[in-house]
Amino acid sequence: MTEATTNRRRATFNTLKVKQVRKLTADSVEVVFEVPTDLVDDYNYVPGQYVALRATIDGQEVRRSYSICSEPIPGEVHVAIKKDFGGLFSTWANTELKEGDEVDVMNPQGAFVSKKNITSMNNPDEVAKDAVAEGNLNLVAFAAGSGITPIMSIARSVLRQSTDSTFDLVYANKSAMDVMFAEEIGDLKDKYPQRFAVHHVLSREQRVSPLMSGRIDEEKLNELLDRVIRTEATDEWFLCGPFELVQLCRDTLKERGVAEDDVRFELFTTGKPERPAGQQGRAIEVDPSGNNFVISFNLDGTSSRVESPASAYETLLNAALRVRSDVPFACAGGVCGTCRAKVIEGDTEMDENYALEKEEVDAGYVLTCQTRPCSENVKIDFDA
């Protein structure tokens, strides 16, 4: 694992100018942010990472996380935003955002990156050295819809920076019109015909091959792994899409004996819309009878303290936001990992985790948006 993935940076927002807004499909755009010279080091990133965007829309502060879709380019950050039905931020970005606008952009975060040391931050020499050390690698990605975004960054970097590695992409969409980065994927195929293969699976459009038509269910996935993908020769897997597809792939690969450590995954939704993520600390009154948890936390070298009534059943993030508005978070749904902190003292319980690696959890890290106190005193550290 690279140093960049093991030592996560403190999440910090900076206001960046929109350099370009480019239409990808009827309901998606690529947005390019210009990074000033004095912030270039802060916006170095490993292919596969994401940034959180923050904007005030209709008088409401809204945060959303989007994966970076380009290979590392000093001075620029590219993200792709697909308009979701009823999505406040994604609709605004697709209809209102334009060149010259300014948006608060968090520095790159996330652990959806290769553990094979074939990619690095903006340092081509290190990339080449690492690639030679690892030898030829065969990588496979399963993506659906906007899940292609981080895969584009990873695939572009791997193919350009490693002369022998191969990359297979299985990309699921409703129809050909919904394929994001269709032209760019075609360019990769033309540029690396022997090392890059793409398999488009369309759920609502009939293709010549029945295998490439319809939804990817258990039967179709096993057929793809038997007939299309060299499963036994794959060194690393990347899964990005909705919860159901990612979990199906993880379970199936595990059944086939693929090591858990060789599978990277990221969700763009947990598939649980009945549990909406909060965007700010909701108002809660401390229990006057004294039945409260005491939560202490360290952030940017400063200690803070807040009481949380046991009856409120609130998360550590919600409690912390009531006394510190600068507590880091983005999705608040257990997906991105921005609100990560280490439990230093006390007992806690984490509901969901789609962002932390096993070794991080074993070391005491939690997603504060999904974690609640279980003992009278809890101490956490956002700087750890």
Protein backbone atom coordinates (compact mmCIF):
# COMPACT_ATOMS: atom_id res chain seq x y z
CA MET A 1 0.00 0.00 0.00
CA THR A 2 1.36 3.44 -0.85
CA GLU A 3 2.13 6.02 1.80
CA ALA A 4 -0.64 8.17 0.39
CA THR A 5 -3.27 5.55 1.18
CA THR A 6 -2.04 4.66 4.65
CA ASN A 7 -1.62 8.23 5.88
CA ARG A 8 -4.84 10.05 5.08
CA ARG A 9 -4.71 13.81 4.94
CA ARG A 10 -6.73 16.15 7.09
CA ALA A 11 -9.78 17.13 5.04
CA THR A 12 -9.69 20.83 4.18
CA PHE A 13 -11.83 22.94 1.84
CA ASN A 14 -10.45 25.61 -0.51
CA THR A 15 -12.36 27.76 -2.97
CA LEU A 16 -11.42 26.80 -6.55
CA LYS A 17 -12.47 28.32 -9.85
CA VAL A 18 -14.29 26.26 -12.48
CA LYS A 19 -12.05 26.08 -15.54
CA GLN A 20 -14.41 24.10 -17.79
CA VAL A 21 -17.77 22.35 -17.79
CA ARG A 22 -18.05 19.69 -20.50
CA LYS A 23 -21.16 17.70 -21.37
CA LEU A 24 -20.61 13.93 -21.24
CA THR A 25 -24.15 12.63 -21.74
CA ALA A 26 -27.61 14.16 -21.63
CA ASP A 27 -27.53 14.05 -17.84
CA SER A 28 -23.85 14.21 -16.88
CA VAL A 29 -20.99 16.69 -17.06
CA GLU A 30 -17.25 16.76 -16.46
CA VAL A 31 -16.18 19.71 -14.32
CA VAL A 32 -12.56 20.87 -14.32
CA PHE A 33 -11.32 22.94 -11.36
CA GLU A 34 -8.24 25.13 -11.60
CA VAL A 35 -5.80 24.67 -8.72
CA PRO A 36 -3.61 27.73 -7.99
CA THR A 37 0.15 27.23 -7.75
CA ASP A 38 0.28 27.61 -3.97
CA LEU A 39 -2.24 24.77 -3.53
CA VAL A 40 -0.89 22.26 -6.07
CA ASP A 41 0.73 20.11 -3.38
CA ASP A 42 -2.52 20.04 -1.39
CA TYR A 43 -4.38 18.68 -4.43
CA ASN A 44 -1.95 15.94 -5.42
CA TYR A 45 -3.88 12.69 -5.56
CA VAL A 46 -3.67 8.98 -6.20
CA PRO A 47 -5.88 7.67 -9.05
CA GLY A 48 -9.15 6.47 -7.55
CA GLN A 49 -9.48 9.18 -4.89
CA TYR A 50 -12.34 11.68 -4.60
CA VAL A 51 -13.03 15.27 -3.61
CA ALA A 52 -16.00 16.68 -1.74
CA LEU A 53 -17.71 19.75 -3.18
CA ARG A 54 -19.56 22.31 -1.06
CA ALA A 55 -21.96 24.93 -2.32
CA THR A 56 -24.90 26.98 -1.10
CA ILE A 57 -27.97 26.13 -3.16
CA ASP A 58 -31.32 27.80 -2.49
CA GLY A 59 -29.92 29.08 0.79
CA GLN A 60 -28.86 25.61 1.95
CA GLU A 61 -25.31 24.34 2.37
CA VAL A 62 -24.95 21.11 0.38
CA ARG A 63 -21.97 18.75 0.26
CA ARG A 64 -21.43 15.93 -2.18
CA SER A 65 -18.46 13.67 -2.94
CA TYR A 66 -17.31 12.98 -6.51
CA SER A 67 -14.46 10.80 -7.72
CA ILE A 68 -11.63 12.32 -9.71
CA CYS A 69 -11.84 11.03 -13.28
CA SER A 70 -8.49 12.05 -14.76
CA GLU A 71 -5.00 10.73 -14.22
CA PRO A 72 -2.98 13.03 -11.94
CA ILE A 73 -2.59 16.45 -13.57
CA PRO A 74 -0.78 19.10 -11.49
CA GLY A 75 -2.90 22.23 -11.26
CA GLU A 76 -6.22 20.60 -12.20
CA VAL A 77 -8.92 18.44 -10.66
CA HIS A 78 -11.48 16.76 -12.94
CA VAL A 79 -14.75 15.29 -11.63
CA ALA A 80 -17.79 13.87 -13.39
CA ILE A 81 -21.27 14.62 -12.03
CA LYS A 82 -24.30 12.65 -13.14
CA LYS A 83 -27.70 14.19 -12.51
CA ASP A 84 -29.72 12.08 -10.09
CA PHE A 85 -33.49 12.19 -10.07
CA GLY A 86 -34.35 14.78 -7.42
CA GLY A 87 -30.66 15.35 -6.64
CA LEU A 88 -30.20 18.94 -5.47
CA PHE A 89 -26.46 19.25 -6.02
CA SER A 90 -26.20 17.12 -9.16
CA THR A 91 -29.08 18.97 -10.83
CA TRP A 92 -27.52 22.32 -9.98
CA ALA A 93 -24.14 21.21 -11.32
CA ASN A 94 -25.66 19.99 -14.59
CA THR A 95 -27.89 23.00 -15.20
CA GLU A 96 -26.35 26.01 -13.45
CA LEU A 97 -22.61 25.50 -12.92
CA LYS A 98 -20.44 27.25 -15.52
CA GLU A 99 -16.90 28.32 -16.31
CA GLY A 100 -15.66 31.02 -13.95
CA ASP A 101 -17.87 29.98 -11.02
CA GLU A 102 -16.23 29.26 -7.68
CA VAL A 103 -16.89 26.17 -5.57
CA ASP A 104 -15.45 24.96 -2.28
CA VAL A 105 -13.43 21.82 -3.05
CA MET A 106 -11.99 19.51 -0.39
CA ASN A 107 -8.48 18.21 -0.89
CA PRO A 108 -8.43 14.65 -2.32
CA GLN A 109 -9.36 11.80 0.01
CA GLY A 110 -10.21 8.12 -0.18
CA ALA A 111 -8.67 4.65 -0.19
CA PHE A 112 -10.12 3.30 -3.48
CA VAL A 113 -6.60 3.02 -4.87
CA SER A 114 -4.30 0.28 -6.01
CA LYS A 115 -2.35 -1.61 -3.36
CA LYS A 116 0.05 -2.90 -5.99
CA ASN A 117 2.16 0.27 -6.02
CA ILE A 118 1.65 0.87 -9.72
CA THR A 119 0.18 4.31 -9.16
CA SER A 120 1.42 7.30 -7.23
CA MET A 121 0.68 10.96 -6.81
CA ASN A 122 1.90 13.42 -9.41
CA ASN A 123 5.29 11.74 -9.75
CA PRO A 124 5.84 9.82 -13.01
CA ASP A 125 9.34 8.70 -12.04
CA GLU A 126 8.08 6.98 -8.89
CA VAL A 127 5.24 5.39 -10.85
CA ALA A 128 7.61 3.91 -13.40
CA LYS A 129 9.93 2.59 -10.70
CA ASP A 130 7.07 0.98 -8.78
CA ALA A 131 5.62 -0.58 -11.92
CA VAL A 132 8.92 -2.24 -12.80
CA ALA A 133 9.25 -3.53 -9.24
CA GLU A 134 5.83 -5.15 -9.35
CA GLY A 135 6.15 -6.67 -12.82
CA ASN A 136 3.24 -7.32 -15.19
CA LEU A 137 -0.15 -6.88 -13.53
CA ASN A 138 -3.60 -7.86 -14.77
CA LEU A 139 -6.34 -5.62 -13.38
CA VAL A 140 -10.12 -5.93 -13.72
CA ALA A 141 -12.83 -3.37 -12.98
CA PHE A 142 -16.61 -3.69 -12.71
CA ALA A 143 -18.41 -0.36 -12.91
CA ALA A 144 -21.99 0.80 -13.33
CA GLY A 145 -23.20 4.24 -14.38
CA SER A 146 -21.23 7.01 -12.70
CA GLY A 147 -19.12 4.35 -10.99
CA ILE A 148 -16.89 4.64 -14.06
CA THR A 149 -15.47 7.93 -12.74
CA PRO A 150 -12.64 6.67 -10.49
CA ILE A 151 -12.07 3.73 -12.83
CA MET A 152 -11.19 6.16 -15.64
CA SER A 153 -8.50 7.74 -13.48
CA ILE A 154 -7.07 4.36 -12.49
CA ALA A 155 -7.19 2.85 -15.99
CA ARG A 156 -5.64 5.88 -17.68
CA SER A 157 -2.79 5.98 -15.17
CA VAL A 158 -2.09 2.25 -15.18
CA LEU A 159 -2.06 1.93 -18.96
CA ARG A 160 0.12 4.98 -19.53
CA GLN A 161 2.58 4.41 -16.73
CA SER A 162 3.05 0.64 -16.89
CA THR A 163 4.10 -0.74 -20.26
CA ASP A 164 3.04 -4.36 -19.66
CA SER A 165 0.01 -4.29 -17.34
CA THR A 166 -3.44 -5.12 -18.70
CA PHE A 167 -6.84 -3.71 -17.77
CA ASP A 168 -10.27 -5.31 -18.33
CA LEU A 169 -13.38 -3.17 -17.80
CA VAL A 170 -16.92 -4.50 -17.46
CA TYR A 171 -19.17 -1.44 -17.67
CA ALA A 172 -22.93 -1.67 -17.02
CA ASN A 173 -25.43 0.95 -18.18
CA LYS A 174 -29.06 1.17 -19.25
CA SER A 175 -28.26 2.04 -22.86
CA ALA A 176 -25.45 3.23 -25.11
CA MET A 177 -26.67 6.81 -24.65
CA ASP A 178 -25.98 6.53 -20.91
CA VAL A 179 -22.31 5.54 -21.26
CA MET A 180 -20.17 8.22 -19.65
CA PHE A 181 -16.72 8.80 -21.19
CA ALA A 182 -17.71 6.73 -24.23
CA GLU A 183 -15.24 8.55 -26.49
CA GLU A 184 -12.43 8.37 -23.92
CA ILE A 185 -12.98 4.65 -23.39
CA GLY A 186 -12.82 4.16 -27.15
CA ASP A 187 -9.58 6.13 -27.27
CA LEU A 188 -8.06 3.87 -24.61
CA LYS A 189 -9.04 0.83 -26.65
CA ASP A 190 -7.45 2.30 -29.79
CA LYS A 191 -4.29 3.34 -27.96
CA TYR A 192 -3.81 0.10 -26.03
CA PRO A 193 -5.51 -2.59 -28.17
CA GLN A 194 -3.53 -5.45 -26.64
CA ARG A 195 -3.72 -4.28 -23.02
CA PHE A 196 -7.18 -2.73 -22.58
CA ALA A 197 -10.48 -4.50 -23.09
CA VAL A 198 -13.95 -3.07 -22.44
CA HIS A 199 -17.15 -5.10 -22.16
CA HIS A 200 -20.30 -2.98 -22.27
CA VAL A 201 -23.34 -4.58 -20.62
CA LEU A 202 -26.60 -2.76 -21.41
CA SER A 203 -29.69 -3.56 -19.34
CA ARG A 204 -32.30 -1.91 -21.59
CA GLU A 205 -30.76 -2.32 -25.00
CA GLN A 206 -30.38 -5.54 -26.94
CA ARG A 207 -26.84 -6.35 -28.00
CA VAL A 208 -25.56 -9.00 -30.40
CA SER A 209 -24.30 -11.12 -27.52
CA PRO A 210 -26.99 -12.10 -24.98
CA LEU A 211 -24.24 -12.05 -22.34
CA MET A 212 -23.86 -8.30 -22.85
CA SER A 213 -27.60 -7.62 -22.61
CA GLY A 214 -29.68 -7.29 -19.44
CA ARG A 215 -28.80 -6.63 -15.81
CA ILE A 216 -25.75 -8.19 -14.22
CA ASP A 217 -27.25 -10.77 -11.89
CA GLU A 218 -25.55 -13.75 -10.25
CA GLU A 219 -25.90 -15.96 -13.32
CA LYS A 220 -24.58 -13.36 -15.74
CA LEU A 221 -21.70 -12.42 -13.42
CA ASN A 222 -20.54 -16.02 -13.16
CA GLU A 223 -20.76 -16.38 -16.92
CA LEU A 224 -18.66 -13.25 -17.38
CA LEU A 225 -16.07 -14.58 -14.96
CA ASP A 226 -16.04 -17.96 -16.72
CA ARG A 227 -15.99 -16.79 -20.31
CA VAL A 228 -14.71 -13.22 -20.50
CA ILE A 229 -12.47 -12.43 -17.54
CA ARG A 230 -9.28 -14.32 -16.74
CA THR A 231 -10.25 -14.62 -13.10
CA GLU A 232 -7.35 -16.80 -12.01
CA ALA A 233 -4.84 -14.45 -13.69
CA THR A 234 -6.22 -11.23 -12.17
CA ASP A 235 -3.96 -9.50 -9.65
CA GLU A 236 -6.37 -6.81 -8.43
CA TRP A 237 -10.08 -6.04 -8.72
CA PHE A 238 -11.86 -2.65 -8.66
CA LEU A 239 -15.62 -2.50 -8.04
CA CYS A 240 -17.57 0.75 -8.18
CA GLY A 241 -21.31 1.19 -8.45
CA PRO A 242 -24.53 0.73 -6.48
CA PHE A 243 -24.55 -1.39 -3.33
CA GLU A 244 -26.29 -4.40 -4.88
CA LEU A 245 -23.82 -4.81 -7.76
CA VAL A 246 -20.72 -4.23 -5.65
CA GLN A 247 -21.86 -6.67 -2.97
CA LEU A 248 -22.76 -9.30 -5.57
CA CYS A 249 -19.29 -9.03 -7.09
CA ARG A 250 -17.58 -9.17 -3.70
CA ASP A 251 -19.54 -12.25 -2.62
CA THR A 252 -18.99 -14.03 -5.92
CA LEU A 253 -15.27 -13.33 -5.99
CA LYS A 254 -14.96 -14.57 -2.41
CA GLU A 255 -16.74 -17.79 -3.34
CA ARG A 256 -14.22 -18.23 -6.15
CA GLY A 257 -11.31 -17.97 -3.75
CA VAL A 258 -10.22 -14.40 -4.55
CA ALA A 259 -8.40 -12.91 -1.56
CA GLU A 260 -10.25 -10.07 0.14
CA ASP A 261 -7.07 -7.98 0.09
CA ASP A 262 -7.04 -8.07 -3.73
CA VAL A 263 -10.48 -6.47 -4.05
CA ARG A 264 -10.95 -2.69 -3.89
CA PHE A 265 -14.52 -1.39 -3.79
CA GLU A 266 -16.36 1.90 -3.58
CA LEU A 267 -20.07 2.74 -3.51
CA PHE A 268 -21.80 5.77 -4.94
CA THR A 269 -24.87 4.86 -2.89
CA THR A 270 -25.56 2.49 -0.03
CA GLY A 271 -28.87 1.45 -1.52
CA LYS A 272 -30.66 2.53 1.65
CA PRO A 273 -32.67 5.65 0.73
CA GLU A 274 -34.88 5.15 3.76
CA ARG A 275 -31.95 6.32 5.87
CA PRO A 276 -31.15 9.80 4.53
CA ALA A 277 -27.83 11.33 5.46
CA GLY A 278 -27.90 14.51 7.50
CA GLN A 279 -26.04 17.56 6.28
CA GLN A 280 -25.55 19.30 9.61
CA GLY A 281 -25.79 18.73 13.33
CA ARG A 282 -29.48 18.57 14.23
CA ALA A 283 -30.59 20.45 17.31
CA ILE A 284 -30.59 18.30 20.44
CA GLU A 285 -31.14 19.28 24.06
CA VAL A 286 -28.97 17.85 26.81
CA ASP A 287 -30.84 15.66 29.32
CA PRO A 288 -31.20 17.76 32.51
CA SER A 289 -31.31 14.58 34.60
CA GLY A 290 -27.73 13.89 33.61
CA ASN A 291 -28.28 10.81 31.45
CA ASN A 292 -25.79 11.99 28.83
CA PHE A 293 -22.72 10.68 27.07
CA VAL A 294 -19.69 12.94 27.23
CA ILE A 295 -17.86 13.08 23.88
CA SER A 296 -14.43 14.67 23.73
CA PHE A 297 -12.63 15.11 20.44
CA ASN A 298 -9.43 16.52 19.02
CA LEU A 299 -9.55 18.44 15.74
CA ASP A 300 -6.75 20.53 14.26
CA GLY A 301 -4.87 20.29 17.54
CA THR A 302 -7.76 21.77 19.53
CA SER A 303 -9.81 19.80 22.05
CA SER A 304 -13.59 20.16 22.25
CA ARG A 305 -16.29 18.58 24.39
CA VAL A 306 -20.01 17.97 23.92
CA GLU A 307 -22.70 16.16 25.86
CA SER A 308 -25.06 13.83 24.05
CA PRO A 309 -28.30 12.61 25.66
CA ALA A 310 -28.60 8.82 25.62
CA SER A 311 -32.21 9.13 24.45
CA ALA A 312 -31.17 11.01 21.27
CA TYR A 313 -29.19 8.09 19.86
CA GLU A 314 -27.12 10.56 17.84
CA THR A 315 -23.90 9.89 15.99
CA LEU A 316 -20.49 11.17 17.02
CA LEU A 317 -20.50 13.37 13.91
CA ASN A 318 -23.84 14.96 14.72
CA ALA A 319 -22.77 15.67 18.29
CA ALA A 320 -19.44 17.14 17.21
CA LEU A 321 -21.07 19.38 14.61
CA ARG A 322 -23.17 21.00 17.30
CA VAL A 323 -20.05 22.58 18.81
CA ARG A 324 -17.63 22.67 15.84
CA SER A 325 -18.91 23.52 12.36
CA ASP A 326 -15.51 22.66 10.84
CA VAL A 327 -15.73 18.94 11.66
CA PRO A 328 -14.89 17.14 8.38
CA PHE A 329 -17.65 15.24 6.56
CA ALA A 330 -19.04 14.87 3.07
CA CYS A 331 -21.61 12.15 2.37
CA ALA A 332 -22.66 11.45 5.99
CA GLY A 333 -23.79 8.05 4.75
CA GLY A 334 -20.83 5.81 5.56
CA VAL A 335 -19.56 5.76 1.99
CA CYS A 336 -16.77 8.30 1.55
CA GLY A 337 -14.71 8.11 4.74
CA THR A 338 -14.18 11.87 5.13
CA CYS A 339 -15.44 11.86 8.74
CA ARG A 340 -12.95 9.18 9.82
CA ALA A 341 -11.57 9.45 13.37
CA LYS A 342 -9.79 7.21 15.86
CA VAL A 343 -11.44 6.14 19.10
CA ILE A 344 -8.93 6.87 21.86
CA GLU A 345 -11.11 6.06 24.85
CA GLY A 346 -14.51 4.53 25.54
CA ASP A 347 -16.88 2.18 23.73
CA THR A 348 -18.68 2.89 20.47
CA GLU A 349 -20.82 1.07 17.92
CA MET A 350 -20.55 1.61 14.14
CA ASP A 351 -23.69 0.85 12.10
CA GLU A 352 -22.30 0.78 8.57
CA ASN A 353 -18.86 0.89 6.99
CA TYR A 354 -18.32 1.11 3.25
CA ALA A 355 -15.14 3.19 3.38
CA LEU A 356 -12.62 1.97 5.93
CA GLU A 357 -10.16 -0.84 5.32
CA LYS A 358 -10.12 -3.76 7.76
CA GLU A 359 -6.75 -2.72 9.17
CA GLU A 360 -8.11 0.75 9.90
CA VAL A 361 -11.06 -0.65 11.83
CA ASP A 362 -8.73 -3.00 13.70
CA ALA A 363 -6.60 0.02 14.64
CA GLY A 364 -9.61 1.76 16.20
CA TYR A 365 -10.78 4.03 13.39
CA VAL A 366 -14.49 4.64 12.86
CA LEU A 367 -16.77 6.58 10.54
CA THR A 368 -18.19 9.16 12.92
CA CYS A 369 -21.32 9.60 10.78
CA GLN A 370 -22.20 5.96 11.49
CA THR A 371 -20.87 5.61 15.05
CA ARG A 372 -22.64 6.15 18.36
CA PRO A 373 -21.29 6.28 21.91
CA CYS A 374 -21.88 3.25 24.14
CA SER A 375 -20.03 4.32 27.30
CA GLU A 376 -20.31 7.33 29.56
CA ASN A 377 -17.13 8.92 28.23
CA VAL A 378 -15.85 8.67 24.66
CA LYS A 379 -12.76 10.35 23.27
CA ILE A 380 -11.96 10.49 19.56
CA ASP A 381 -9.22 12.07 17.46
CA PHE A 382 -9.88 13.43 13.98
CA ASP A 383 -6.19 14.27 13.58
CA ALA A 384 -4.93 10.71 14.16
